[in-house]
Amino acid sequence: MLALTASPAWAADAWVDWRSDDFGFQMTIPPKMKMTAAALGEWGCMRGELPPVQLAGLAKLNSFPELPAMQAFAIAQLGIPAAAWTLLDQAENQRGWKWFKTYRAVNKGRFVYALLGHGPRGAYVVYLSTTPANRALFNAAYVKWYESLTVF
């Protein structure tokens, strides 16, 4: 844990802007994190990991599934039961989103922020996963990440 505390990469102001023109979203990420593409059925995915943090942006382009279908997909991807999720925020017409809902979950030593919503190009599930201890130490970076989530 001391290594994380001393690392400037975890400071909120050290995170860098990252953008996927293919999937139409952008966010901040730790400067040493590498994002890679993957396919998850009908969803495209950009995912990165810099332990103990995992970030992912999943996009279902040209499709706008209803919220219950998106919630079921997010639950299946993250393996966290529905009862563990708490709604934190929701909005319309902000940062390119037609609408979004933001959730928090804590389960089996994992802390997750997840944003589900529709943008101009389709549906998105974007999440950050870490340990509860890491979240407590570096929450300012995670708030900045959340505020940076933009679709276009």
Protein backbone atom coordinates (compact mmCIF):
# COMPACT_ATOMS: atom_id res chain seq x y z
CA MET A 1 0.00 0.00 0.00
CA LEU A 2 2.87 2.40 0.67
CA ALA A 3 4.00 2.10 -2.93
CA LEU A 4 0.60 3.30 -4.12
CA THR A 5 0.59 6.18 -1.67
CA ALA A 6 3.97 7.39 -2.91
CA SER A 7 3.12 6.96 -6.59
CA PRO A 8 2.27 10.18 -8.42
CA ALA A 9 0.39 8.07 -11.01
CA TRP A 10 -2.45 7.73 -8.54
CA ALA A 11 -2.77 11.47 -7.90
CA ALA A 12 -5.87 12.91 -9.55
CA ASP A 13 -3.90 15.55 -11.44
CA ALA A 14 -1.53 12.91 -12.89
CA TRP A 15 -4.22 11.09 -14.88
CA VAL A 16 -4.24 11.73 -18.64
CA ASP A 17 -7.00 12.09 -21.22
CA TRP A 18 -7.68 8.98 -23.28
CA ARG A 19 -10.05 8.75 -26.23
CA SER A 20 -11.49 6.03 -28.48
CA ASP A 21 -12.70 7.46 -31.76
CA ASP A 22 -13.87 3.97 -32.81
CA PHE A 23 -16.22 3.65 -29.84
CA GLY A 24 -17.00 7.33 -29.34
CA PHE A 25 -16.03 7.87 -25.72
CA GLN A 26 -13.25 9.42 -23.66
CA MET A 27 -12.08 9.40 -20.05
CA THR A 28 -9.03 10.00 -17.92
CA ILE A 29 -6.73 7.07 -17.12
CA PRO A 30 -3.56 6.59 -15.07
CA PRO A 31 -0.57 7.61 -17.23
CA LYS A 32 0.99 4.12 -17.42
CA MET A 33 -2.26 2.28 -18.20
CA LYS A 34 -2.54 0.70 -21.65
CA MET A 35 -6.01 0.27 -23.14
CA THR A 36 -6.68 -2.71 -25.41
CA ALA A 37 -9.64 -3.61 -27.61
CA ALA A 38 -11.76 -6.73 -27.26
CA ALA A 39 -15.16 -7.98 -28.41
CA LEU A 40 -17.84 -9.22 -26.03
CA GLY A 41 -20.57 -10.54 -28.29
CA GLU A 42 -22.46 -7.54 -29.68
CA TRP A 43 -20.48 -5.17 -27.47
CA GLY A 44 -17.07 -3.70 -28.26
CA CYS A 45 -14.73 -3.13 -25.35
CA MET A 46 -11.70 -1.05 -24.48
CA ARG A 47 -10.11 -2.30 -21.29
CA GLY A 48 -7.06 -1.43 -19.22
CA GLU A 49 -5.53 -2.60 -15.98
CA LEU A 50 -2.93 -1.11 -13.67
CA PRO A 51 -3.32 -3.12 -10.45
CA PRO A 52 -5.35 -2.72 -8.43
CA VAL A 53 -7.40 -0.62 -10.90
CA GLN A 54 -9.31 -1.90 -13.90
CA LEU A 55 -11.07 0.44 -16.33
CA ALA A 56 -13.37 -0.58 -19.15
CA GLY A 57 -15.61 1.10 -21.67
CA LEU A 58 -18.08 -1.20 -23.39
CA ALA A 59 -20.05 0.11 -26.35
CA LYS A 60 -22.98 -1.32 -28.29
CA LEU A 61 -22.94 1.00 -31.27
CA ASN A 62 -26.08 1.73 -33.31
CA SER A 63 -28.18 0.06 -30.64
CA PHE A 64 -30.05 1.51 -27.69
CA PRO A 65 -31.13 -1.31 -25.36
CA GLU A 66 -33.42 -0.52 -22.46
CA LEU A 67 -31.87 0.04 -19.02
CA PRO A 68 -32.86 -3.41 -17.58
CA ALA A 69 -30.98 -5.16 -20.42
CA MET A 70 -27.95 -2.94 -19.83
CA GLN A 71 -28.08 -3.62 -16.08
CA ALA A 72 -28.22 -7.38 -16.71
CA PHE A 73 -25.23 -7.11 -19.06
CA ALA A 74 -23.21 -5.10 -16.50
CA ILE A 75 -24.06 -7.54 -13.72
CA ALA A 76 -22.97 -10.47 -15.92
CA GLN A 77 -19.72 -8.75 -16.93
CA LEU A 78 -18.73 -7.74 -13.41
CA GLY A 79 -20.09 -10.75 -11.53
CA ILE A 80 -21.60 -8.59 -8.81
CA PRO A 81 -25.20 -9.39 -7.83
CA ALA A 82 -27.94 -6.80 -8.36
CA ALA A 83 -28.52 -6.44 -4.60
CA ALA A 84 -24.99 -5.00 -4.18
CA TRP A 85 -25.60 -2.02 -6.52
CA THR A 86 -26.59 1.45 -5.30
CA LEU A 87 -27.70 4.27 -7.61
CA LEU A 88 -25.46 7.33 -7.08
CA ASP A 89 -26.33 9.75 -9.85
CA GLN A 90 -28.41 10.19 -12.97
CA ALA A 91 -28.69 12.89 -15.58
CA GLU A 92 -29.74 13.75 -19.10
CA ASN A 93 -28.00 15.78 -21.79
CA GLN A 94 -24.62 16.13 -20.08
CA ARG A 95 -21.13 15.52 -21.55
CA GLY A 96 -22.66 14.07 -24.72
CA TRP A 97 -24.89 11.59 -22.91
CA LYS A 98 -28.56 11.42 -23.85
CA TRP A 99 -29.01 9.94 -20.37
CA PHE A 100 -26.94 8.03 -17.82
CA LYS A 101 -27.19 6.37 -14.45
CA THR A 102 -24.19 5.86 -12.20
CA TYR A 103 -23.95 3.03 -9.69
CA ARG A 104 -21.61 1.92 -6.93
CA ALA A 105 -21.09 -1.65 -5.77
CA VAL A 106 -18.93 -3.25 -3.10
CA ASN A 107 -18.66 -7.01 -3.20
CA LYS A 108 -16.02 -9.61 -2.27
CA GLY A 109 -13.17 -7.12 -1.86
CA ARG A 110 -14.02 -5.08 -4.96
CA PHE A 111 -15.29 -1.52 -5.23
CA VAL A 112 -16.90 -0.58 -8.56
CA TYR A 113 -18.21 2.63 -10.08
CA ALA A 114 -20.28 1.93 -13.21
CA LEU A 115 -22.00 4.33 -15.57
CA LEU A 116 -24.70 2.98 -17.89
CA GLY A 117 -26.23 5.19 -20.54
CA HIS A 118 -27.02 6.13 -24.09
CA GLY A 119 -24.88 8.44 -26.17
CA PRO A 120 -25.29 9.68 -29.74
CA ARG A 121 -23.74 6.50 -31.19
CA GLY A 122 -25.26 3.80 -28.98
CA ALA A 123 -25.30 2.28 -25.50
CA TYR A 124 -22.39 2.31 -23.05
CA VAL A 125 -21.34 0.55 -19.87
CA VAL A 126 -18.21 2.19 -18.43
CA TYR A 127 -16.69 1.06 -15.17
CA LEU A 128 -13.80 1.42 -12.75
CA SER A 129 -13.00 -1.47 -10.42
CA THR A 130 -10.51 -1.41 -7.53
CA THR A 131 -10.17 -2.44 -3.90
CA PRO A 132 -12.10 -0.58 -1.20
CA ALA A 133 -8.78 0.45 0.41
CA ASN A 134 -7.47 1.87 -2.87
CA ARG A 135 -10.74 3.71 -3.45
CA ALA A 136 -10.50 5.28 0.01
CA LEU A 137 -6.94 6.50 -0.64
CA PHE A 138 -7.43 7.78 -4.19
CA ASN A 139 -11.07 8.75 -4.43
CA ALA A 140 -10.18 12.20 -5.86
CA ALA A 141 -8.70 10.48 -8.93
CA TYR A 142 -11.83 8.35 -9.30
CA VAL A 143 -14.13 11.36 -9.04
CA LYS A 144 -12.05 13.05 -11.75
CA TRP A 145 -12.37 9.87 -13.87
CA TYR A 146 -16.15 9.88 -13.43
CA GLU A 147 -16.41 13.57 -14.32
CA SER A 148 -14.32 12.96 -17.45
CA LEU A 149 -16.63 10.30 -18.95
CA THR A 150 -17.79 11.78 -22.23
CA VAL A 151 -19.41 10.33 -25.34
CA PHE A 152 -19.42 11.78 -28.84
